[in-house]
Amino acid sequence: MTVTWDSLEADLISHLPLLRERYGAQKEWWEGDPIPQHVLMGDVFLPMLIEFARNGQSAETEQLSQFLELLAINEDVRLQEVVSVTVLEFLEGEPDAIGVLRPQFGPGTLRLLEERERWRRAHR
């Protein structure tokens, strides 16, 4: 599956139907307009990822981690930035969730996470 910047909204829901309810609520708030990519990942994807991680729902976190990896390895830097800035930056403040999720992250997601961690250590 190839995800593009412009298809992220449709691809998220087609690939992850378990997010459909949360997506529907967000879509209603946006009154049918396209949901901006960072908002989509921050307000639809991320809360569910954290909830599933906290509740030990490994099948669900695995599905979401696989989708995150598609974005992390995408040649479109904007999709990589959605992973790094919107998802991973927030997860830095959720040590329990990141501890559960790290082993499920693919190599692209781990690379972005490690880049964030190196940057943070260098700028303390």
PDB file of N, CA and C in Angstrom:
ATOM      1  N   MET A   1       0.840  -1.182   0.000  1.00  0.00           N
ATOM      2  CA  MET A   1       0.000   0.000   0.000  1.00  0.00           C
ATOM      3  C   MET A   1       0.881   1.240   0.000  1.00  0.00           C
ATOM      4  N   THR A   2       0.598   2.147  -0.890  1.00  0.00           N
ATOM      5  CA  THR A   2       1.311   3.409  -0.945  1.00  0.00           C
ATOM      6  C   THR A   2       0.393   4.517  -0.444  1.00  0.00           C
ATOM      7  N   VAL A   3       0.879   5.228   0.539  1.00  0.00           N
ATOM      8  CA  VAL A   3       0.129   6.346   1.109  1.00  0.00           C
ATOM      9  C   VAL A   3       0.749   7.627   0.564  1.00  0.00           C
ATOM     10  N   THR A   4      -0.099   8.555   0.193  1.00  0.00           N
ATOM     11  CA  THR A   4       0.394   9.866  -0.230  1.00  0.00           C
ATOM     12  C   THR A   4      -0.127  10.922   0.740  1.00  0.00           C
ATOM     13  N   TRP A   5       0.469  12.091   0.670  1.00  0.00           N
ATOM     14  CA  TRP A   5       0.048  13.203   1.522  1.00  0.00           C
ATOM     15  C   TRP A   5      -1.442  13.471   1.333  1.00  0.00           C
ATOM     16  N   ASP A   6      -1.855  13.522   0.073  1.00  0.00           N
ATOM     17  CA  ASP A   6      -3.249  13.852  -0.230  1.00  0.00           C
ATOM     18  C   ASP A   6      -4.220  12.720   0.064  1.00  0.00           C
ATOM     19  N   SER A   7      -3.732  11.476   0.120  1.00  0.00           N
ATOM     20  CA  SER A   7      -4.624  10.340   0.365  1.00  0.00           C
ATOM     21  C   SER A   7      -4.589   9.857   1.812  1.00  0.00           C
ATOM     22  N   LEU A   8      -3.838  10.540   2.665  1.00  0.00           N
ATOM     23  CA  LEU A   8      -3.674  10.058   4.044  1.00  0.00           C
ATOM     24  C   LEU A   8      -5.009   9.846   4.748  1.00  0.00           C
ATOM     25  N   GLU A   9      -5.915  10.778   4.620  1.00  0.00           N
ATOM     26  CA  GLU A   9      -7.198  10.659   5.315  1.00  0.00           C
ATOM     27  C   GLU A   9      -7.946   9.403   4.875  1.00  0.00           C
ATOM     28  N   ALA A  10      -8.101   9.202   3.586  1.00  0.00           N
ATOM     29  CA  ALA A  10      -8.812   8.021   3.076  1.00  0.00           C
ATOM     30  C   ALA A  10      -8.056   6.737   3.393  1.00  0.00           C
ATOM     31  N   ASP A  11      -6.724   6.766   3.258  1.00  0.00           N
ATOM     32  CA  ASP A  11      -5.917   5.569   3.508  1.00  0.00           C
ATOM     33  C   ASP A  11      -5.952   5.158   4.980  1.00  0.00           C
ATOM     34  N   LEU A  12      -5.968   6.136   5.872  1.00  0.00           N
ATOM     35  CA  LEU A  12      -6.015   5.829   7.302  1.00  0.00           C
ATOM     36  C   LEU A  12      -7.257   5.001   7.632  1.00  0.00           C
ATOM     37  N   ILE A  13      -8.385   5.426   7.130  1.00  0.00           N
ATOM     38  CA  ILE A  13      -9.633   4.750   7.460  1.00  0.00           C
ATOM     39  C   ILE A  13      -9.775   3.435   6.698  1.00  0.00           C
ATOM     40  N   SER A  14      -9.314   3.390   5.466  1.00  0.00           N
ATOM     41  CA  SER A  14      -9.426   2.124   4.722  1.00  0.00           C
ATOM     42  C   SER A  14      -8.487   1.074   5.299  1.00  0.00           C
ATOM     43  N   HIS A  15      -7.332   1.487   5.771  1.00  0.00           N
ATOM     44  CA  HIS A  15      -6.353   0.547   6.336  1.00  0.00           C
ATOM     45  C   HIS A  15      -6.640   0.222   7.802  1.00  0.00           C
ATOM     46  N   LEU A  16      -7.266   1.160   8.506  1.00  0.00           N
ATOM     47  CA  LEU A  16      -7.506   0.994   9.947  1.00  0.00           C
ATOM     48  C   LEU A  16      -8.970   1.266  10.285  1.00  0.00           C
ATOM     49  N   PRO A  17      -9.874   0.373   9.885  1.00  0.00           N
ATOM     50  CA  PRO A  17     -11.293   0.614  10.167  1.00  0.00           C
ATOM     51  C   PRO A  17     -11.610   0.718  11.656  1.00  0.00           C
ATOM     52  N   LEU A  18     -10.721   0.230  12.519  1.00  0.00           N
ATOM     53  CA  LEU A  18     -10.952   0.335  13.951  1.00  0.00           C
ATOM     54  C   LEU A  18     -10.925   1.785  14.427  1.00  0.00           C
ATOM     55  N   LEU A  19     -10.466   2.702  13.580  1.00  0.00           N
ATOM     56  CA  LEU A  19     -10.460   4.128  13.924  1.00  0.00           C
ATOM     57  C   LEU A  19     -11.684   4.860  13.391  1.00  0.00           C
ATOM     58  N   ARG A  20     -12.568   4.138  12.719  1.00  0.00           N
ATOM     59  CA  ARG A  20     -13.697   4.757  12.027  1.00  0.00           C
ATOM     60  C   ARG A  20     -14.575   5.619  12.939  1.00  0.00           C
ATOM     61  N   GLU A  21     -14.878   5.152  14.131  1.00  0.00           N
ATOM     62  CA  GLU A  21     -15.753   5.920  15.028  1.00  0.00           C
ATOM     63  C   GLU A  21     -15.106   7.246  15.437  1.00  0.00           C
ATOM     64  N   ARG A  22     -13.857   7.175  15.849  1.00  0.00           N
ATOM     65  CA  ARG A  22     -13.150   8.398  16.261  1.00  0.00           C
ATOM     66  C   ARG A  22     -12.990   9.341  15.060  1.00  0.00           C
ATOM     67  N   TYR A  23     -12.713   8.759  13.897  1.00  0.00           N
ATOM     68  CA  TYR A  23     -12.597   9.550  12.677  1.00  0.00           C
ATOM     69  C   TYR A  23     -13.924  10.249  12.365  1.00  0.00           C
ATOM     70  N   GLY A  24     -15.023   9.531  12.497  1.00  0.00           N
ATOM     71  CA  GLY A  24     -16.339  10.100  12.209  1.00  0.00           C
ATOM     72  C   GLY A  24     -16.634  11.310  13.071  1.00  0.00           C
ATOM     73  N   ALA A  25     -16.274  11.230  14.341  1.00  0.00           N
ATOM     74  CA  ALA A  25     -16.492  12.360  15.252  1.00  0.00           C
ATOM     75  C   ALA A  25     -15.646  13.559  14.827  1.00  0.00           C
ATOM     76  N   GLN A  26     -14.420  13.298  14.441  1.00  0.00           N
ATOM     77  CA  GLN A  26     -13.533  14.376  14.001  1.00  0.00           C
ATOM     78  C   GLN A  26     -14.026  14.972  12.677  1.00  0.00           C
ATOM     79  N   LYS A  27     -14.484  14.116  11.774  1.00  0.00           N
ATOM     80  CA  LYS A  27     -14.979  14.566  10.473  1.00  0.00           C
ATOM     81  C   LYS A  27     -16.213  15.461  10.657  1.00  0.00           C
ATOM     82  N   GLU A  28     -17.051  15.072  11.607  1.00  0.00           N
ATOM     83  CA  GLU A  28     -18.234  15.884  11.901  1.00  0.00           C
ATOM     84  C   GLU A  28     -17.824  17.273  12.385  1.00  0.00           C
ATOM     85  N   TRP A  29     -16.824  17.318  13.243  1.00  0.00           N
ATOM     86  CA  TRP A  29     -16.343  18.592  13.763  1.00  0.00           C
ATOM     87  C   TRP A  29     -15.826  19.478  12.632  1.00  0.00           C
ATOM     88  N   TRP A  30     -15.186  18.858  11.640  1.00  0.00           N
ATOM     89  CA  TRP A  30     -14.637  19.600  10.502  1.00  0.00           C
ATOM     90  C   TRP A  30     -15.711  19.883   9.451  1.00  0.00           C
ATOM     91  N   GLU A  31     -16.936  19.509   9.732  1.00  0.00           N
ATOM     92  CA  GLU A  31     -18.096  19.784   8.881  1.00  0.00           C
ATOM     93  C   GLU A  31     -17.880  19.345   7.438  1.00  0.00           C
ATOM     94  N   GLY A  32     -17.272  18.170   7.284  1.00  0.00           N
ATOM     95  CA  GLY A  32     -17.088  17.597   5.957  1.00  0.00           C
ATOM     96  C   GLY A  32     -15.847  18.040   5.220  1.00  0.00           C
ATOM     97  N   ASP A  33     -15.175  19.055   5.719  1.00  0.00           N
ATOM     98  CA  ASP A  33     -13.929  19.486   5.086  1.00  0.00           C
ATOM     99  C   ASP A  33     -12.846  18.439   5.327  1.00  0.00           C
ATOM    100  N   PRO A  34     -11.846  18.394   4.465  1.00  0.00           N
ATOM    101  CA  PRO A  34     -10.729  17.484   4.722  1.00  0.00           C
ATOM    102  C   PRO A  34     -10.076  17.803   6.068  1.00  0.00           C
ATOM    103  N   ILE A  35      -9.714  16.781   6.771  1.00  0.00           N
ATOM    104  CA  ILE A  35      -9.028  16.972   8.057  1.00  0.00           C
ATOM    105  C   ILE A  35      -7.537  17.143   7.761  1.00  0.00           C
ATOM    106  N   PRO A  36      -6.914  18.226   8.227  1.00  0.00           N
ATOM    107  CA  PRO A  36      -5.473  18.391   8.001  1.00  0.00           C
ATOM    108  C   PRO A  36      -4.694  17.183   8.529  1.00  0.00           C
ATOM    109  N   GLN A  37      -3.632  16.832   7.835  1.00  0.00           N
ATOM    110  CA  GLN A  37      -2.896  15.603   8.124  1.00  0.00           C
ATOM    111  C   GLN A  37      -2.380  15.527   9.563  1.00  0.00           C
ATOM    112  N   HIS A  38      -1.809  16.604  10.059  1.00  0.00           N
ATOM    113  CA  HIS A  38      -1.287  16.572  11.429  1.00  0.00           C
ATOM    114  C   HIS A  38      -2.421  16.460  12.449  1.00  0.00           C
ATOM    115  N   VAL A  39      -3.537  17.076  12.166  1.00  0.00           N
ATOM    116  CA  VAL A  39      -4.704  16.969  13.045  1.00  0.00           C
ATOM    117  C   VAL A  39      -5.244  15.542  13.006  1.00  0.00           C
ATOM    118  N   LEU A  40      -5.334  14.970  11.833  1.00  0.00           N
ATOM    119  CA  LEU A  40      -5.806  13.603  11.670  1.00  0.00           C
ATOM    120  C   LEU A  40      -4.964  12.631  12.498  1.00  0.00           C
ATOM    121  N   MET A  41      -3.670  12.751  12.384  1.00  0.00           N
ATOM    122  CA  MET A  41      -2.791  11.828  13.113  1.00  0.00           C
ATOM    123  C   MET A  41      -2.752  12.157  14.606  1.00  0.00           C
ATOM    124  N   GLY A  42      -2.871  13.429  14.961  1.00  0.00           N
ATOM    125  CA  GLY A  42      -2.812  13.825  16.365  1.00  0.00           C
ATOM    126  C   GLY A  42      -4.104  13.623  17.121  1.00  0.00           C
ATOM    127  N   ASP A  43      -5.239  13.773  16.445  1.00  0.00           N
ATOM    128  CA  ASP A  43      -6.527  13.703  17.138  1.00  0.00           C
ATOM    129  C   ASP A  43      -7.306  12.414  16.883  1.00  0.00           C
ATOM    130  N   VAL A  44      -6.951  11.682  15.847  1.00  0.00           N
ATOM    131  CA  VAL A  44      -7.636  10.415  15.554  1.00  0.00           C
ATOM    132  C   VAL A  44      -6.705   9.238  15.839  1.00  0.00           C
ATOM    133  N   PHE A  45      -5.544   9.227  15.204  1.00  0.00           N
ATOM    134  CA  PHE A  45      -4.626   8.091  15.295  1.00  0.00           C
ATOM    135  C   PHE A  45      -3.953   7.981  16.667  1.00  0.00           C
ATOM    136  N   LEU A  46      -3.325   9.062  17.100  1.00  0.00           N
ATOM    137  CA  LEU A  46      -2.499   9.041  18.314  1.00  0.00           C
ATOM    138  C   LEU A  46      -3.256   8.655  19.587  1.00  0.00           C
ATOM    139  N   PRO A  47      -4.430   9.229  19.873  1.00  0.00           N
ATOM    140  CA  PRO A  47      -5.128   8.827  21.097  1.00  0.00           C
ATOM    141  C   PRO A  47      -5.474   7.333  21.127  1.00  0.00           C
ATOM    142  N   MET A  48      -5.797   6.785  19.972  1.00  0.00           N
ATOM    143  CA  MET A  48      -6.123   5.358  19.930  1.00  0.00           C
ATOM    144  C   MET A  48      -4.867   4.515  20.111  1.00  0.00           C
ATOM    145  N   LEU A  49      -3.755   4.950  19.534  1.00  0.00           N
ATOM    146  CA  LEU A  49      -2.494   4.234  19.708  1.00  0.00           C
ATOM    147  C   LEU A  49      -2.123   4.165  21.189  1.00  0.00           C
ATOM    148  N   ILE A  50      -2.239   5.294  21.872  1.00  0.00           N
ATOM    149  CA  ILE A  50      -1.913   5.344  23.302  1.00  0.00           C
ATOM    150  C   ILE A  50      -2.891   4.491  24.104  1.00  0.00           C
ATOM    151  N   GLU A  51      -4.169   4.612  23.808  1.00  0.00           N
ATOM    152  CA  GLU A  51      -5.177   3.819  24.530  1.00  0.00           C
ATOM    153  C   GLU A  51      -4.934   2.321  24.363  1.00  0.00           C
ATOM    154  N   PHE A  52      -4.686   1.893  23.135  1.00  0.00           N
ATOM    155  CA  PHE A  52      -4.427   0.472  22.894  1.00  0.00           C
ATOM    156  C   PHE A  52      -3.162   0.011  23.609  1.00  0.00           C
ATOM    157  N   ALA A  53      -2.133   0.842  23.611  1.00  0.00           N
ATOM    158  CA  ALA A  53      -0.882   0.490  24.294  1.00  0.00           C
ATOM    159  C   ALA A  53      -1.109   0.365  25.800  1.00  0.00           C
ATOM    160  N   ARG A  54      -1.821   1.310  26.379  1.00  0.00           N
ATOM    161  CA  ARG A  54      -2.085   1.273  27.829  1.00  0.00           C
ATOM    162  C   ARG A  54      -2.931   0.072  28.232  1.00  0.00           C
ATOM    163  N   ASN A  55      -3.836  -0.334  27.341  1.00  0.00           N
ATOM    164  CA  ASN A  55      -4.734  -1.455  27.642  1.00  0.00           C
ATOM    165  C   ASN A  55      -4.175  -2.802  27.230  1.00  0.00           C
ATOM    166  N   GLY A  56      -2.954  -2.836  26.745  1.00  0.00           N
ATOM    167  CA  GLY A  56      -2.333  -4.094  26.354  1.00  0.00           C
ATOM    168  C   GLY A  56      -2.965  -4.751  25.133  1.00  0.00           C
ATOM    169  N   GLN A  57      -3.550  -3.937  24.261  1.00  0.00           N
ATOM    170  CA  GLN A  57      -4.202  -4.464  23.062  1.00  0.00           C
ATOM    171  C   GLN A  57      -3.161  -4.575  21.945  1.00  0.00           C
ATOM    172  N   SER A  58      -2.368  -5.652  22.011  1.00  0.00           N
ATOM    173  CA  SER A  58      -1.213  -5.764  21.115  1.00  0.00           C
ATOM    174  C   SER A  58      -1.598  -5.933  19.654  1.00  0.00           C
ATOM    175  N   ALA A  59      -2.687  -6.610  19.347  1.00  0.00           N
ATOM    176  CA  ALA A  59      -3.093  -6.755  17.942  1.00  0.00           C
ATOM    177  C   ALA A  59      -3.408  -5.390  17.344  1.00  0.00           C
ATOM    178  N   GLU A  60      -4.071  -4.549  18.111  1.00  0.00           N
ATOM    179  CA  GLU A  60      -4.434  -3.221  17.636  1.00  0.00           C
ATOM    180  C   GLU A  60      -3.208  -2.316  17.524  1.00  0.00           C
ATOM    181  N   THR A  61      -2.329  -2.369  18.519  1.00  0.00           N
ATOM    182  CA  THR A  61      -1.131  -1.532  18.437  1.00  0.00           C
ATOM    183  C   THR A  61      -0.247  -1.983  17.282  1.00  0.00           C
ATOM    184  N   GLU A  62      -0.232  -3.275  17.006  1.00  0.00           N
ATOM    185  CA  GLU A  62       0.547  -3.785  15.869  1.00  0.00           C
ATOM    186  C   GLU A  62      -0.001  -3.228  14.560  1.00  0.00           C
ATOM    187  N   GLN A  63      -1.310  -3.206  14.405  1.00  0.00           N
ATOM    188  CA  GLN A  63      -1.917  -2.650  13.191  1.00  0.00           C
ATOM    189  C   GLN A  63      -1.563  -1.174  13.026  1.00  0.00           C
ATOM    190  N   LEU A  64      -1.689  -0.425  14.090  1.00  0.00           N
ATOM    191  CA  LEU A  64      -1.385   0.998  14.016  1.00  0.00           C
ATOM    192  C   LEU A  64       0.102   1.232  13.781  1.00  0.00           C
ATOM    193  N   SER A  65       0.950   0.413  14.394  1.00  0.00           N
ATOM    194  CA  SER A  65       2.401   0.534  14.193  1.00  0.00           C
ATOM    195  C   SER A  65       2.786   0.240  12.750  1.00  0.00           C
ATOM    196  N   GLN A  66       2.115  -0.711  12.132  1.00  0.00           N
ATOM    197  CA  GLN A  66       2.391  -1.026  10.726  1.00  0.00           C
ATOM    198  C   GLN A  66       2.025   0.155   9.828  1.00  0.00           C
ATOM    199  N   PHE A  67       0.901   0.806  10.105  1.00  0.00           N
ATOM    200  CA  PHE A  67       0.513   1.972   9.321  1.00  0.00           C
ATOM    201  C   PHE A  67       1.518   3.105   9.542  1.00  0.00           C
ATOM    202  N   LEU A  68       1.928   3.300  10.779  1.00  0.00           N
ATOM    203  CA  LEU A  68       2.913   4.332  11.091  1.00  0.00           C
ATOM    204  C   LEU A  68       4.194   4.090  10.305  1.00  0.00           C
ATOM    205  N   GLU A  69       4.579   2.834  10.181  1.00  0.00           N
ATOM    206  CA  GLU A  69       5.791   2.486   9.430  1.00  0.00           C
ATOM    207  C   GLU A  69       5.653   2.858   7.956  1.00  0.00           C
ATOM    208  N   LEU A  70       4.466   2.671   7.389  1.00  0.00           N
ATOM    209  CA  LEU A  70       4.252   3.074   5.991  1.00  0.00           C
ATOM    210  C   LEU A  70       4.545   4.560   5.796  1.00  0.00           C
ATOM    211  N   LEU A  71       4.185   5.349   6.792  1.00  0.00           N
ATOM    212  CA  LEU A  71       4.441   6.788   6.716  1.00  0.00           C
ATOM    213  C   LEU A  71       5.918   7.093   6.965  1.00  0.00           C
ATOM    214  N   ALA A  72       6.512   6.387   7.907  1.00  0.00           N
ATOM    215  CA  ALA A  72       7.905   6.646   8.291  1.00  0.00           C
ATOM    216  C   ALA A  72       8.880   6.332   7.159  1.00  0.00           C
ATOM    217  N   ILE A  73       8.556   5.369   6.331  1.00  0.00           N
ATOM    218  CA  ILE A  73       9.469   4.982   5.242  1.00  0.00           C
ATOM    219  C   ILE A  73       9.067   5.614   3.908  1.00  0.00           C
ATOM    220  N   ASN A  74       8.043   6.406   3.921  1.00  0.00           N
ATOM    221  CA  ASN A  74       7.565   7.040   2.698  1.00  0.00           C
ATOM    222  C   ASN A  74       8.594   8.057   2.211  1.00  0.00           C
ATOM    223  N   GLU A  75       8.728   8.178   0.908  1.00  0.00           N
ATOM    224  CA  GLU A  75       9.691   9.144   0.365  1.00  0.00           C
ATOM    225  C   GLU A  75       9.230  10.590   0.542  1.00  0.00           C
ATOM    226  N   ASP A  76       7.961  10.788   0.834  1.00  0.00           N
ATOM    227  CA  ASP A  76       7.432  12.132   1.067  1.00  0.00           C
ATOM    228  C   ASP A  76       7.799  12.566   2.493  1.00  0.00           C
ATOM    229  N   VAL A  77       8.663  13.529   2.582  1.00  0.00           N
ATOM    230  CA  VAL A  77       9.159  14.012   3.878  1.00  0.00           C
ATOM    231  C   VAL A  77       8.020  14.509   4.761  1.00  0.00           C
ATOM    232  N   ARG A  78       6.962  15.032   4.148  1.00  0.00           N
ATOM    233  CA  ARG A  78       5.835  15.533   4.945  1.00  0.00           C
ATOM    234  C   ARG A  78       5.200  14.400   5.747  1.00  0.00           C
ATOM    235  N   LEU A  79       5.124  13.203   5.181  1.00  0.00           N
ATOM    236  CA  LEU A  79       4.558  12.065   5.916  1.00  0.00           C
ATOM    237  C   LEU A  79       5.507  11.621   7.020  1.00  0.00           C
ATOM    238  N   GLN A  80       6.804  11.665   6.752  1.00  0.00           N
ATOM    239  CA  GLN A  80       7.783  11.339   7.799  1.00  0.00           C
ATOM    240  C   GLN A  80       7.680  12.339   8.947  1.00  0.00           C
ATOM    241  N   GLU A  81       7.448  13.600   8.612  1.00  0.00           N
ATOM    242  CA  GLU A  81       7.310  14.635   9.639  1.00  0.00           C
ATOM    243  C   GLU A  81       6.050  14.450  10.472  1.00  0.00           C
ATOM    244  N   VAL A  82       4.973  13.957   9.865  1.00  0.00           N
ATOM    245  CA  VAL A  82       3.764  13.658  10.632  1.00  0.00           C
ATOM    246  C   VAL A  82       4.092  12.622  11.702  1.00  0.00           C
ATOM    247  N   VAL A  83       4.875  11.621  11.331  1.00  0.00           N
ATOM    248  CA  VAL A  83       5.271  10.585  12.295  1.00  0.00           C
ATOM    249  C   VAL A  83       6.142  11.202  13.380  1.00  0.00           C
ATOM    250  N   SER A  84       7.170  11.911  12.971  1.00  0.00           N
ATOM    251  CA  SER A  84       8.136  12.439  13.926  1.00  0.00           C
ATOM    252  C   SER A  84       7.555  13.529  14.818  1.00  0.00           C
ATOM    253  N   VAL A  85       6.935  14.516  14.205  1.00  0.00           N
ATOM    254  CA  VAL A  85       6.494  15.700  14.950  1.00  0.00           C
ATOM    255  C   VAL A  85       5.173  15.466  15.675  1.00  0.00           C
ATOM    256  N   THR A  86       4.223  14.852  15.011  1.00  0.00           N
ATOM    257  CA  THR A  86       2.893  14.718  15.607  1.00  0.00           C
ATOM    258  C   THR A  86       2.790  13.498  16.509  1.00  0.00           C
ATOM    259  N   VAL A  87       3.326  12.373  16.087  1.00  0.00           N
ATOM    260  CA  VAL A  87       3.157  11.138  16.859  1.00  0.00           C
ATOM    261  C   VAL A  87       4.302  10.925  17.841  1.00  0.00           C
ATOM    262  N   LEU A  88       5.526  10.853  17.345  1.00  0.00           N
ATOM    263  CA  LEU A  88       6.647  10.503  18.226  1.00  0.00           C
ATOM    264  C   LEU A  88       6.968  11.583  19.250  1.00  0.00           C
ATOM    265  N   GLU A  89       6.855  12.839  18.857  1.00  0.00           N
ATOM    266  CA  GLU A  89       7.121  13.913  19.824  1.00  0.00           C
ATOM    267  C   GLU A  89       6.147  13.823  20.998  1.00  0.00           C
ATOM    268  N   PHE A  90       4.894  13.569  20.724  1.00  0.00           N
ATOM    269  CA  PHE A  90       3.919  13.436  21.802  1.00  0.00           C
ATOM    270  C   PHE A  90       4.229  12.203  22.655  1.00  0.00           C
ATOM    271  N   LEU A  91       4.599  11.104  21.998  1.00  0.00           N
ATOM    272  CA  LEU A  91       4.878   9.869  22.741  1.00  0.00           C
ATOM    273  C   LEU A  91       6.072  10.000  23.679  1.00  0.00           C
ATOM    274  N   GLU A  92       6.951  10.958  23.416  1.00  0.00           N
ATOM    275  CA  GLU A  92       8.085  11.171  24.316  1.00  0.00           C
ATOM    276  C   GLU A  92       7.603  11.479  25.738  1.00  0.00           C
ATOM    277  N   GLY A  93       6.433  12.055  25.861  1.00  0.00           N
ATOM    278  CA  GLY A  93       5.856  12.368  27.167  1.00  0.00           C
ATOM    279  C   GLY A  93       5.007  11.245  27.736  1.00  0.00           C
ATOM    280  N   GLU A  94       4.987  10.116  27.052  1.00  0.00           N
ATOM    281  CA  GLU A  94       4.209   8.945  27.472  1.00  0.00           C
ATOM    282  C   GLU A  94       5.142   7.738  27.600  1.00  0.00           C
ATOM    283  N   PRO A  95       6.019   7.728  28.616  1.00  0.00           N
ATOM    284  CA  PRO A  95       7.032   6.666  28.698  1.00  0.00           C
ATOM    285  C   PRO A  95       6.455   5.247  28.774  1.00  0.00           C
ATOM    286  N   ASP A  96       5.322   5.073  29.435  1.00  0.00           N
ATOM    287  CA  ASP A  96       4.732   3.732  29.505  1.00  0.00           C
ATOM    288  C   ASP A  96       4.273   3.272  28.126  1.00  0.00           C
ATOM    289  N   ALA A  97       3.636   4.168  27.399  1.00  0.00           N
ATOM    290  CA  ALA A  97       3.158   3.821  26.054  1.00  0.00           C
ATOM    291  C   ALA A  97       4.328   3.556  25.117  1.00  0.00           C
ATOM    292  N   ILE A  98       5.337   4.397  25.161  1.00  0.00           N
ATOM    293  CA  ILE A  98       6.477   4.209  24.257  1.00  0.00           C
ATOM    294  C   ILE A  98       7.203   2.908  24.579  1.00  0.00           C
ATOM    295  N   GLY A  99       7.218   2.527  25.856  1.00  0.00           N
ATOM    296  CA  GLY A  99       7.843   1.259  26.238  1.00  0.00           C
ATOM    297  C   GLY A  99       7.127   0.062  25.636  1.00  0.00           C
ATOM    298  N   VAL A 100       5.816   0.140  25.555  1.00  0.00           N
ATOM    299  CA  VAL A 100       5.020  -0.932  24.948  1.00  0.00           C
ATOM    300  C   VAL A 100       5.170  -0.908  23.429  1.00  0.00           C
ATOM    301  N   LEU A 101       5.203   0.273  22.864  1.00  0.00           N
ATOM    302  CA  LEU A 101       5.165   0.419  21.409  1.00  0.00           C
ATOM    303  C   LEU A 101       6.516   0.204  20.730  1.00  0.00           C
ATOM    304  N   ARG A 102       7.597   0.590  21.372  1.00  0.00           N
ATOM    305  CA  ARG A 102       8.920   0.525  20.744  1.00  0.00           C
ATOM    306  C   ARG A 102       9.210  -0.844  20.109  1.00  0.00           C
ATOM    307  N   PRO A 103       8.950  -1.958  20.786  1.00  0.00           N
ATOM    308  CA  PRO A 103       9.238  -3.259  20.158  1.00  0.00           C
ATOM    309  C   PRO A 103       8.377  -3.552  18.922  1.00  0.00           C
ATOM    310  N   GLN A 104       7.272  -2.846  18.773  1.00  0.00           N
ATOM    311  CA  GLN A 104       6.392  -3.068  17.620  1.00  0.00           C
ATOM    312  C   GLN A 104       6.714  -2.128  16.458  1.00  0.00           C
ATOM    313  N   PHE A 105       7.503  -1.105  16.715  1.00  0.00           N
ATOM    314  CA  PHE A 105       7.841  -0.160  15.662  1.00  0.00           C
ATOM    315  C   PHE A 105       8.744  -0.822  14.634  1.00  0.00           C
ATOM    316  N   GLY A 106       8.516  -0.484  13.366  1.00  0.00           N
ATOM    317  CA  GLY A 106       9.372  -0.956  12.291  1.00  0.00           C
ATOM    318  C   GLY A 106      10.648  -0.138  12.236  1.00  0.00           C
ATOM    319  N   PRO A 107      11.574  -0.530  11.363  1.00  0.00           N
ATOM    320  CA  PRO A 107      12.874   0.154  11.299  1.00  0.00           C
ATOM    321  C   PRO A 107      12.787   1.632  10.925  1.00  0.00           C
ATOM    322  N   GLY A 108      11.849   2.002  10.071  1.00  0.00           N
ATOM    323  CA  GLY A 108      11.711   3.414   9.704  1.00  0.00           C
ATOM    324  C   GLY A 108      11.231   4.255  10.867  1.00  0.00           C
ATOM    325  N   THR A 109      10.257   3.751  11.600  1.00  0.00           N
ATOM    326  CA  THR A 109       9.733   4.461  12.769  1.00  0.00           C
ATOM    327  C   THR A 109      10.807   4.549  13.843  1.00  0.00           C
ATOM    328  N   LEU A 110      11.534   3.464  14.053  1.00  0.00           N
ATOM    329  CA  LEU A 110      12.614   3.475  15.044  1.00  0.00           C
ATOM    330  C   LEU A 110      13.702   4.473  14.661  1.00  0.00           C
ATOM    331  N   ARG A 111      14.007   4.569  13.377  1.00  0.00           N
ATOM    332  CA  ARG A 111      15.013   5.531  12.914  1.00  0.00           C
ATOM    333  C   ARG A 111      14.572   6.953  13.265  1.00  0.00           C
ATOM    334  N   LEU A 112      13.306   7.273  13.002  1.00  0.00           N
ATOM    335  CA  LEU A 112      12.803   8.612  13.335  1.00  0.00           C
ATOM    336  C   LEU A 112      12.801   8.852  14.842  1.00  0.00           C
ATOM    337  N   LEU A 113      12.433   7.835  15.608  1.00  0.00           N
ATOM    338  CA  LEU A 113      12.434   7.959  17.065  1.00  0.00           C
ATOM    339  C   LEU A 113      13.852   8.186  17.582  1.00  0.00           C
ATOM    340  N   GLU A 114      14.805   7.428  17.064  1.00  0.00           N
ATOM    341  CA  GLU A 114      16.197   7.576  17.501  1.00  0.00           C
ATOM    342  C   GLU A 114      16.760   8.936  17.107  1.00  0.00           C
ATOM    343  N   GLU A 115      16.369   9.452  15.931  1.00  0.00           N
ATOM    344  CA  GLU A 115      16.793  10.801  15.542  1.00  0.00           C
ATOM    345  C   GLU A 115      16.261  11.831  16.533  1.00  0.00           C
ATOM    346  N   ARG A 116      15.022  11.676  16.942  1.00  0.00           N
ATOM    347  CA  ARG A 116      14.427  12.594  17.924  1.00  0.00           C
ATOM    348  C   ARG A 116      15.177  12.498  19.248  1.00  0.00           C
ATOM    349  N   GLU A 117      15.470  11.278  19.681  1.00  0.00           N
ATOM    350  CA  GLU A 117      16.165  11.083  20.959  1.00  0.00           C
ATOM    351  C   GLU A 117      17.573  11.673  20.908  1.00  0.00           C
ATOM    352  N   ARG A 118      18.298  11.476  19.791  1.00  0.00           N
ATOM    353  CA  ARG A 118      19.634  12.068  19.662  1.00  0.00           C
ATOM    354  C   ARG A 118      19.557  13.589  19.696  1.00  0.00           C
ATOM    355  N   TRP A 119      18.590  14.163  18.989  1.00  0.00           N
ATOM    356  CA  TRP A 119      18.433  15.612  18.966  1.00  0.00           C
ATOM    357  C   TRP A 119      18.146  16.140  20.373  1.00  0.00           C
ATOM    358  N   ARG A 120      17.255  15.446  21.070  1.00  0.00           N
ATOM    359  CA  ARG A 120      16.881  15.885  22.424  1.00  0.00           C
ATOM    360  C   ARG A 120      18.096  15.843  23.359  1.00  0.00           C
ATOM    361  N   ARG A 121      18.893  14.771  23.286  1.00  0.00           N
ATOM    362  CA  ARG A 121      20.087  14.674  24.146  1.00  0.00           C
ATOM    363  C   ARG A 121      21.094  15.783  23.818  1.00  0.00           C
ATOM    364  N   ALA A 122      21.234  16.090  22.528  1.00  0.00           N
ATOM    365  CA  ALA A 122      22.208  17.105  22.111  1.00  0.00           C
ATOM    366  C   ALA A 122      21.765  18.515  22.505  1.00  0.00           C
ATOM    367  N   HIS A 123      20.490  18.716  22.735  1.00  0.00           N
ATOM    368  CA  HIS A 123      19.978  20.061  23.010  1.00  0.00           C
ATOM    369  C   HIS A 123      19.448  20.240  24.428  1.00  0.00           C
ATOM    370  N   ARG A 124      19.961  19.464  25.329  1.00  0.00           N
ATOM    371  CA  ARG A 124      19.586  19.615  26.740  1.00  0.00           C
ATOM    372  C   ARG A 124      20.370  20.710  27.380  1.00  0.00           C
TER     373      ARG A 124
END
